Amino acid sequence: YARTGESDEAIKLIEKLLTLPATMGTYPIF
């Protein structure tokens, strides 16, 4: 979303995902 100009969608998702568990790989760019 961030790279395709959908900033609203990107930020909404980032805010939610920063509160959810994830695998926290050391390499993925996302």
PDB file of all heavy atoms in Angstrom:
ATOM      1  N   TYR A   1       0.839  -1.213   0.000  1.00  0.00           N
ATOM      2  CA  TYR A   1       0.000   0.000   0.000  1.00  0.00           C
ATOM      3  C   TYR A   1       0.874   1.265   0.000  1.00  0.00           C
ATOM      4  O   TYR A   1       0.614   2.223  -0.720  1.00  0.00           O
ATOM      5  CB  TYR A   1      -0.915   0.021   1.226  1.00  0.00           C
ATOM      6  CG  TYR A   1      -2.105  -0.917   1.174  1.00  0.00           C
ATOM      7  CD1 TYR A   1      -2.514  -1.616   2.313  1.00  0.00           C
ATOM      8  CD2 TYR A   1      -2.837  -1.086  -0.004  1.00  0.00           C
ATOM      9  CE1 TYR A   1      -3.617  -2.472   2.286  1.00  0.00           C
ATOM     10  CE2 TYR A   1      -3.943  -1.933  -0.041  1.00  0.00           C
ATOM     11  CZ  TYR A   1      -4.332  -2.631   1.108  1.00  0.00           C
ATOM     12  OH  TYR A   1      -5.425  -3.465   1.070  1.00  0.00           O
ATOM     13  N   ALA A   2       1.918   1.254   0.845  1.00  0.00           N
ATOM     14  CA  ALA A   2       2.792   2.429   0.957  1.00  0.00           C
ATOM     15  C   ALA A   2       3.479   2.736  -0.369  1.00  0.00           C
ATOM     16  O   ALA A   2       3.642   3.903  -0.746  1.00  0.00           O
ATOM     17  CB  ALA A   2       3.840   2.205   2.051  1.00  0.00           C
ATOM     18  N   ARG A   3       3.878   1.681  -1.088  1.00  0.00           N
ATOM     19  CA  ARG A   3       4.618   1.871  -2.342  1.00  0.00           C
ATOM     20  C   ARG A   3       3.713   2.165  -3.530  1.00  0.00           C
ATOM     21  O   ARG A   3       4.200   2.500  -4.599  1.00  0.00           O
ATOM     22  CB  ARG A   3       5.460   0.626  -2.660  1.00  0.00           C
ATOM     23  CG  ARG A   3       6.483   0.222  -1.628  1.00  0.00           C
ATOM     24  CD  ARG A   3       7.601   1.172  -1.371  1.00  0.00           C
ATOM     25  NE  ARG A   3       8.301   1.694  -2.526  1.00  0.00           N
ATOM     26  CZ  ARG A   3       9.398   2.445  -2.467  1.00  0.00           C
ATOM     27  NH1 ARG A   3       9.924   2.749  -1.283  1.00  0.00           N
ATOM     28  NH2 ARG A   3       9.975   2.906  -3.545  1.00  0.00           N
ATOM     29  N   THR A   4       2.402   1.974  -3.362  1.00  0.00           N
ATOM     30  CA  THR A   4       1.494   2.185  -4.506  1.00  0.00           C
ATOM     31  C   THR A   4       0.570   3.384  -4.270  1.00  0.00           C
ATOM     32  O   THR A   4      -0.482   3.491  -4.892  1.00  0.00           O
ATOM     33  CB  THR A   4       0.655   0.920  -4.794  1.00  0.00           C
ATOM     34  OG1 THR A   4      -0.035   0.532  -3.590  1.00  0.00           O
ATOM     35  CG2 THR A   4       1.511  -0.242  -5.273  1.00  0.00           C
ATOM     36  N   GLY A   5       0.959   4.248  -3.334  1.00  0.00           N
ATOM     37  CA  GLY A   5       0.212   5.487  -3.133  1.00  0.00           C
ATOM     38  C   GLY A   5      -1.029   5.375  -2.269  1.00  0.00           C
ATOM     39  O   GLY A   5      -1.792   6.326  -2.145  1.00  0.00           O
ATOM     40  N   GLU A   6      -1.237   4.206  -1.648  1.00  0.00           N
ATOM     41  CA  GLU A   6      -2.412   4.035  -0.772  1.00  0.00           C
ATOM     42  C   GLU A   6      -2.004   4.307   0.683  1.00  0.00           C
ATOM     43  O   GLU A   6      -2.046   3.420   1.535  1.00  0.00           O
ATOM     44  CB  GLU A   6      -2.983   2.616  -0.923  1.00  0.00           C
ATOM     45  CG  GLU A   6      -3.558   2.303  -2.295  1.00  0.00           C
ATOM     46  CD  GLU A   6      -4.844   3.070  -2.591  1.00  0.00           C
ATOM     47  OE1 GLU A   6      -5.524   3.493  -1.633  1.00  0.00           O
ATOM     48  OE2 GLU A   6      -5.160   3.270  -3.777  1.00  0.00           O
ATOM     49  N   SER A   7      -1.625   5.553   0.961  1.00  0.00           N
ATOM     50  CA  SER A   7      -1.078   5.898   2.293  1.00  0.00           C
ATOM     51  C   SER A   7      -2.071   5.634   3.419  1.00  0.00           C
ATOM     52  O   SER A   7      -1.688   5.147   4.488  1.00  0.00           O
ATOM     53  CB  SER A   7      -0.662   7.358   2.336  1.00  0.00           C
ATOM     54  OG  SER A   7       0.294   7.594   1.339  1.00  0.00           O
ATOM     55  N   ASP A   8      -3.355   5.970   3.201  1.00  0.00           N
ATOM     56  CA  ASP A   8      -4.354   5.771   4.267  1.00  0.00           C
ATOM     57  C   ASP A   8      -4.428   4.306   4.671  1.00  0.00           C
ATOM     58  O   ASP A   8      -4.415   3.974   5.863  1.00  0.00           O
ATOM     59  CB  ASP A   8      -5.746   6.240   3.801  1.00  0.00           C
ATOM     60  CG  ASP A   8      -5.806   7.750   3.615  1.00  0.00           C
ATOM     61  OD1 ASP A   8      -4.790   8.408   3.930  1.00  0.00           O
ATOM     62  OD2 ASP A   8      -6.840   8.262   3.170  1.00  0.00           O
ATOM     63  N   GLU A   9      -4.512   3.428   3.649  1.00  0.00           N
ATOM     64  CA  GLU A   9      -4.583   1.974   3.921  1.00  0.00           C
ATOM     65  C   GLU A   9      -3.316   1.510   4.637  1.00  0.00           C
ATOM     66  O   GLU A   9      -3.380   0.711   5.577  1.00  0.00           O
ATOM     67  CB  GLU A   9      -4.745   1.196   2.600  1.00  0.00           C
ATOM     68  CG  GLU A   9      -6.067   1.408   1.883  1.00  0.00           C
ATOM     69  CD  GLU A   9      -7.256   0.818   2.636  1.00  0.00           C
ATOM     70  OE1 GLU A   9      -7.069  -0.152   3.397  1.00  0.00           O
ATOM     71  OE2 GLU A   9      -8.374   1.344   2.465  1.00  0.00           O
ATOM     72  N   ALA A  10      -2.174   2.002   4.169  1.00  0.00           N
ATOM     73  CA  ALA A  10      -0.887   1.590   4.753  1.00  0.00           C
ATOM     74  C   ALA A  10      -0.813   1.962   6.231  1.00  0.00           C
ATOM     75  O   ALA A  10      -0.485   1.133   7.081  1.00  0.00           O
ATOM     76  CB  ALA A  10       0.266   2.242   3.987  1.00  0.00           C
ATOM     77  N   ILE A  11      -1.152   3.214   6.544  1.00  0.00           N
ATOM     78  CA  ILE A  11      -1.005   3.695   7.930  1.00  0.00           C
ATOM     79  C   ILE A  11      -2.003   3.011   8.855  1.00  0.00           C
ATOM     80  O   ILE A  11      -1.666   2.628   9.980  1.00  0.00           O
ATOM     81  CB  ILE A  11      -1.091   5.235   7.973  1.00  0.00           C
ATOM     82  CG1 ILE A  11       0.239   5.781   7.441  1.00  0.00           C
ATOM     83  CG2 ILE A  11      -1.350   5.746   9.384  1.00  0.00           C
ATOM     84  CD1 ILE A  11       0.251   7.215   7.059  1.00  0.00           C
ATOM     85  N   LYS A  12      -3.211   2.809   8.366  1.00  0.00           N
ATOM     86  CA  LYS A  12      -4.233   2.102   9.163  1.00  0.00           C
ATOM     87  C   LYS A  12      -3.728   0.704   9.540  1.00  0.00           C
ATOM     88  O   LYS A  12      -3.830   0.262  10.685  1.00  0.00           O
ATOM     89  CB  LYS A  12      -5.514   1.996   8.331  1.00  0.00           C
ATOM     90  CG  LYS A  12      -6.798   2.022   9.136  1.00  0.00           C
ATOM     91  CD  LYS A  12      -8.011   2.397   8.284  1.00  0.00           C
ATOM     92  CE  LYS A  12      -8.242   1.384   7.150  1.00  0.00           C
ATOM     93  NZ  LYS A  12      -9.204   1.881   6.139  1.00  0.00           N
ATOM     94  N   LEU A  13      -3.137   0.034   8.561  1.00  0.00           N
ATOM     95  CA  LEU A  13      -2.643  -1.330   8.781  1.00  0.00           C
ATOM     96  C   LEU A  13      -1.422  -1.328   9.708  1.00  0.00           C
ATOM     97  O   LEU A  13      -1.315  -2.170  10.608  1.00  0.00           O
ATOM     98  CB  LEU A  13      -2.303  -1.960   7.421  1.00  0.00           C
ATOM     99  CG  LEU A  13      -2.304  -3.479   7.272  1.00  0.00           C
ATOM    100  CD1 LEU A  13      -3.487  -4.133   7.971  1.00  0.00           C
ATOM    101  CD2 LEU A  13      -2.282  -3.875   5.798  1.00  0.00           C
ATOM    102  N   ILE A  14      -0.523  -0.372   9.516  1.00  0.00           N
ATOM    103  CA  ILE A  14       0.683  -0.289  10.361  1.00  0.00           C
ATOM    104  C   ILE A  14       0.287  -0.090  11.825  1.00  0.00           C
ATOM    105  O   ILE A  14       0.815  -0.765  12.726  1.00  0.00           O
ATOM    106  CB  ILE A  14       1.611   0.857   9.894  1.00  0.00           C
ATOM    107  CG1 ILE A  14       2.262   0.501   8.556  1.00  0.00           C
ATOM    108  CG2 ILE A  14       2.694   1.150  10.942  1.00  0.00           C
ATOM    109  CD1 ILE A  14       2.929   1.679   7.852  1.00  0.00           C
ATOM    110  N   GLU A  15      -0.643   0.830  12.081  1.00  0.00           N
ATOM    111  CA  GLU A  15      -1.076   1.104  13.461  1.00  0.00           C
ATOM    112  C   GLU A  15      -1.619  -0.161  14.126  1.00  0.00           C
ATOM    113  O   GLU A  15      -1.346  -0.428  15.295  1.00  0.00           O
ATOM    114  CB  GLU A  15      -2.131   2.217  13.477  1.00  0.00           C
ATOM    115  CG  GLU A  15      -1.535   3.588  13.228  1.00  0.00           C
ATOM    116  CD  GLU A  15      -2.576   4.691  13.043  1.00  0.00           C
ATOM    117  OE1 GLU A  15      -3.767   4.386  12.774  1.00  0.00           O
ATOM    118  OE2 GLU A  15      -2.191   5.868  13.159  1.00  0.00           O
ATOM    119  N   LYS A  16      -2.363  -0.940  13.365  1.00  0.00           N
ATOM    120  CA  LYS A  16      -2.937  -2.175  13.916  1.00  0.00           C
ATOM    121  C   LYS A  16      -1.842  -3.230  14.123  1.00  0.00           C
ATOM    122  O   LYS A  16      -1.755  -3.861  15.173  1.00  0.00           O
ATOM    123  CB  LYS A  16      -4.009  -2.690  12.943  1.00  0.00           C
ATOM    124  CG  LYS A  16      -4.665  -3.995  13.358  1.00  0.00           C
ATOM    125  CD  LYS A  16      -5.679  -4.431  12.308  1.00  0.00           C
ATOM    126  CE  LYS A  16      -5.938  -5.922  12.389  1.00  0.00           C
ATOM    127  NZ  LYS A  16      -6.618  -6.427  11.191  1.00  0.00           N
ATOM    128  N   LEU A  17      -0.973  -3.396  13.115  1.00  0.00           N
ATOM    129  CA  LEU A  17       0.024  -4.474  13.154  1.00  0.00           C
ATOM    130  C   LEU A  17       1.090  -4.255  14.216  1.00  0.00           C
ATOM    131  O   LEU A  17       1.672  -5.218  14.730  1.00  0.00           O
ATOM    132  CB  LEU A  17       0.679  -4.640  11.782  1.00  0.00           C
ATOM    133  CG  LEU A  17      -0.224  -5.224  10.693  1.00  0.00           C
ATOM    134  CD1 LEU A  17       0.422  -5.090   9.321  1.00  0.00           C
ATOM    135  CD2 LEU A  17      -0.548  -6.699  10.977  1.00  0.00           C
ATOM    136  N   LEU A  18       1.374  -3.001  14.562  1.00  0.00           N
ATOM    137  CA  LEU A  18       2.376  -2.740  15.604  1.00  0.00           C
ATOM    138  C   LEU A  18       1.923  -3.219  16.980  1.00  0.00           C
ATOM    139  O   LEU A  18       2.721  -3.257  17.920  1.00  0.00           O
ATOM    140  CB  LEU A  18       2.711  -1.241  15.664  1.00  0.00           C
ATOM    141  CG  LEU A  18       3.700  -0.722  14.624  1.00  0.00           C
ATOM    142  CD1 LEU A  18       3.810   0.783  14.684  1.00  0.00           C
ATOM    143  CD2 LEU A  18       5.084  -1.362  14.789  1.00  0.00           C
ATOM    144  N   THR A  19       0.645  -3.575  17.107  1.00  0.00           N
ATOM    145  CA  THR A  19       0.147  -4.090  18.393  1.00  0.00           C
ATOM    146  C   THR A  19      -0.080  -5.606  18.348  1.00  0.00           C
ATOM    147  O   THR A  19      -0.510  -6.192  19.329  1.00  0.00           O
ATOM    148  CB  THR A  19      -1.183  -3.406  18.781  1.00  0.00           C
ATOM    149  OG1 THR A  19      -2.196  -3.829  17.852  1.00  0.00           O
ATOM    150  CG2 THR A  19      -1.082  -1.898  18.760  1.00  0.00           C
ATOM    151  N   LEU A  20       0.216  -6.236  17.193  1.00  0.00           N
ATOM    152  CA  LEU A  20      -0.024  -7.681  17.049  1.00  0.00           C
ATOM    153  C   LEU A  20       1.302  -8.442  16.969  1.00  0.00           C
ATOM    154  O   LEU A  20       2.282  -7.912  16.442  1.00  0.00           O
ATOM    155  CB  LEU A  20      -0.841  -7.960  15.777  1.00  0.00           C
ATOM    156  CG  LEU A  20      -2.256  -7.355  15.714  1.00  0.00           C
ATOM    157  CD1 LEU A  20      -2.900  -7.666  14.367  1.00  0.00           C
ATOM    158  CD2 LEU A  20      -3.126  -7.873  16.853  1.00  0.00           C
ATOM    159  N   PRO A  21       1.335  -9.686  17.469  1.00  0.00           N
ATOM    160  CA  PRO A  21       2.574 -10.471  17.382  1.00  0.00           C
ATOM    161  C   PRO A  21       2.939 -10.737  15.920  1.00  0.00           C
ATOM    162  O   PRO A  21       2.066 -10.793  15.055  1.00  0.00           O
ATOM    163  CB  PRO A  21       2.230 -11.795  18.085  1.00  0.00           C
ATOM    164  CG  PRO A  21       0.894 -11.624  18.695  1.00  0.00           C
ATOM    165  CD  PRO A  21       0.229 -10.453  18.080  1.00  0.00           C
ATOM    166  N   ALA A  22       4.231 -10.903  15.657  1.00  0.00           N
ATOM    167  CA  ALA A  22       4.702 -11.255  14.315  1.00  0.00           C
ATOM    168  C   ALA A  22       6.040 -11.967  14.459  1.00  0.00           C
ATOM    169  O   ALA A  22       6.649 -11.924  15.524  1.00  0.00           O
ATOM    170  CB  ALA A  22       4.850  -9.996  13.464  1.00  0.00           C
ATOM    171  N   THR A  23       6.503 -12.616  13.387  1.00  0.00           N
ATOM    172  CA  THR A  23       7.708 -13.443  13.544  1.00  0.00           C
ATOM    173  C   THR A  23       9.003 -12.642  13.677  1.00  0.00           C
ATOM    174  O   THR A  23      10.010 -13.176  14.088  1.00  0.00           O
ATOM    175  CB  THR A  23       7.871 -14.457  12.387  1.00  0.00           C
ATOM    176  OG1 THR A  23       7.762 -13.753  11.163  1.00  0.00           O
ATOM    177  CG2 THR A  23       6.843 -15.543  12.453  1.00  0.00           C
ATOM    178  N   MET A  24       8.982 -11.347  13.339  1.00  0.00           N
ATOM    179  CA  MET A  24      10.138 -10.467  13.561  1.00  0.00           C
ATOM    180  C   MET A  24      11.426 -11.017  12.950  1.00  0.00           C
ATOM    181  O   MET A  24      12.477 -11.048  13.585  1.00  0.00           O
ATOM    182  CB  MET A  24      10.379 -10.244  15.068  1.00  0.00           C
ATOM    183  CG  MET A  24       9.236  -9.605  15.787  1.00  0.00           C
ATOM    184  SD  MET A  24       8.883  -7.975  15.139  1.00  0.00           S
ATOM    185  CE  MET A  24       7.191  -7.807  15.696  1.00  0.00           C
ATOM    186  N   GLY A  25      11.326 -11.464  11.702  1.00  0.00           N
ATOM    187  CA  GLY A  25      12.526 -11.941  11.019  1.00  0.00           C
ATOM    188  C   GLY A  25      13.568 -10.834  10.944  1.00  0.00           C
ATOM    189  O   GLY A  25      13.236  -9.652  10.966  1.00  0.00           O
ATOM    190  N   THR A  26      14.837 -11.217  10.863  1.00  0.00           N
ATOM    191  CA  THR A  26      15.880 -10.186  10.823  1.00  0.00           C
ATOM    192  C   THR A  26      16.099  -9.677   9.402  1.00  0.00           C
ATOM    193  O   THR A  26      16.733  -8.646   9.209  1.00  0.00           O
ATOM    194  CB  THR A  26      17.214 -10.715  11.387  1.00  0.00           C
ATOM    195  OG1 THR A  26      17.615 -11.846  10.626  1.00  0.00           O
ATOM    196  CG2 THR A  26      17.087 -11.098  12.839  1.00  0.00           C
ATOM    197  N   TYR A  27      15.591 -10.387   8.383  1.00  0.00           N
ATOM    198  CA  TYR A  27      15.854  -9.984   7.007  1.00  0.00           C
ATOM    199  C   TYR A  27      14.694  -9.314   6.264  1.00  0.00           C
ATOM    200  O   TYR A  27      14.928  -8.420   5.467  1.00  0.00           O
ATOM    201  CB  TYR A  27      16.329 -11.190   6.192  1.00  0.00           C
ATOM    202  CG  TYR A  27      17.632 -11.792   6.657  1.00  0.00           C
ATOM    203  CD1 TYR A  27      17.810 -13.171   6.724  1.00  0.00           C
ATOM    204  CD2 TYR A  27      18.697 -10.967   7.033  1.00  0.00           C
ATOM    205  CE1 TYR A  27      19.018 -13.714   7.153  1.00  0.00           C
ATOM    206  CE2 TYR A  27      19.899 -11.504   7.466  1.00  0.00           C
ATOM    207  CZ  TYR A  27      20.060 -12.888   7.520  1.00  0.00           C
ATOM    208  OH  TYR A  27      21.244 -13.420   7.944  1.00  0.00           O
ATOM    209  N   PRO A  28      13.416  -9.742   6.451  1.00  0.00           N
ATOM    210  CA  PRO A  28      12.360  -9.175   5.596  1.00  0.00           C
ATOM    211  C   PRO A  28      12.286  -7.648   5.684  1.00  0.00           C
ATOM    212  O   PRO A  28      12.389  -7.073   6.765  1.00  0.00           O
ATOM    213  CB  PRO A  28      11.075  -9.811   6.150  1.00  0.00           C
ATOM    214  CG  PRO A  28      11.515 -11.057   6.808  1.00  0.00           C
ATOM    215  CD  PRO A  28      12.875 -10.761   7.365  1.00  0.00           C
ATOM    216  N   ILE A  29      12.111  -7.005   4.532  1.00  0.00           N
ATOM    217  CA  ILE A  29      12.084  -5.539   4.500  1.00  0.00           C
ATOM    218  C   ILE A  29      10.799  -4.979   5.096  1.00  0.00           C
ATOM    219  O   ILE A  29      10.704  -3.791   5.337  1.00  0.00           O
ATOM    220  CB  ILE A  29      12.271  -5.007   3.053  1.00  0.00           C
ATOM    221  CG1 ILE A  29      11.224  -5.620   2.108  1.00  0.00           C
ATOM    222  CG2 ILE A  29      13.669  -5.271   2.551  1.00  0.00           C
ATOM    223  CD1 ILE A  29      11.240  -5.014   0.718  1.00  0.00           C
ATOM    224  N   PHE A  30       9.816  -5.860   5.348  1.00  0.00           N
ATOM    225  CA  PHE A  30       8.520  -5.377   5.860  1.00  0.00           C
ATOM    226  C   PHE A  30       8.325  -5.680   7.346  1.00  0.00           C
ATOM    227  O   PHE A  30       7.234  -5.521   7.874  1.00  0.00           O
ATOM    228  CB  PHE A  30       7.360  -5.988   5.057  1.00  0.00           C
ATOM    229  CG  PHE A  30       7.445  -7.486   4.931  1.00  0.00           C
ATOM    230  CD1 PHE A  30       7.025  -8.321   5.961  1.00  0.00           C
ATOM    231  CD2 PHE A  30       7.959  -8.066   3.783  1.00  0.00           C
ATOM    232  CE1 PHE A  30       7.112  -9.698   5.855  1.00  0.00           C
ATOM    233  CE2 PHE A  30       8.047  -9.460   3.661  1.00  0.00           C
ATOM    234  CZ  PHE A  30       7.623 -10.267   4.706  1.00  0.00           C
TER     235      PHE A  30
END
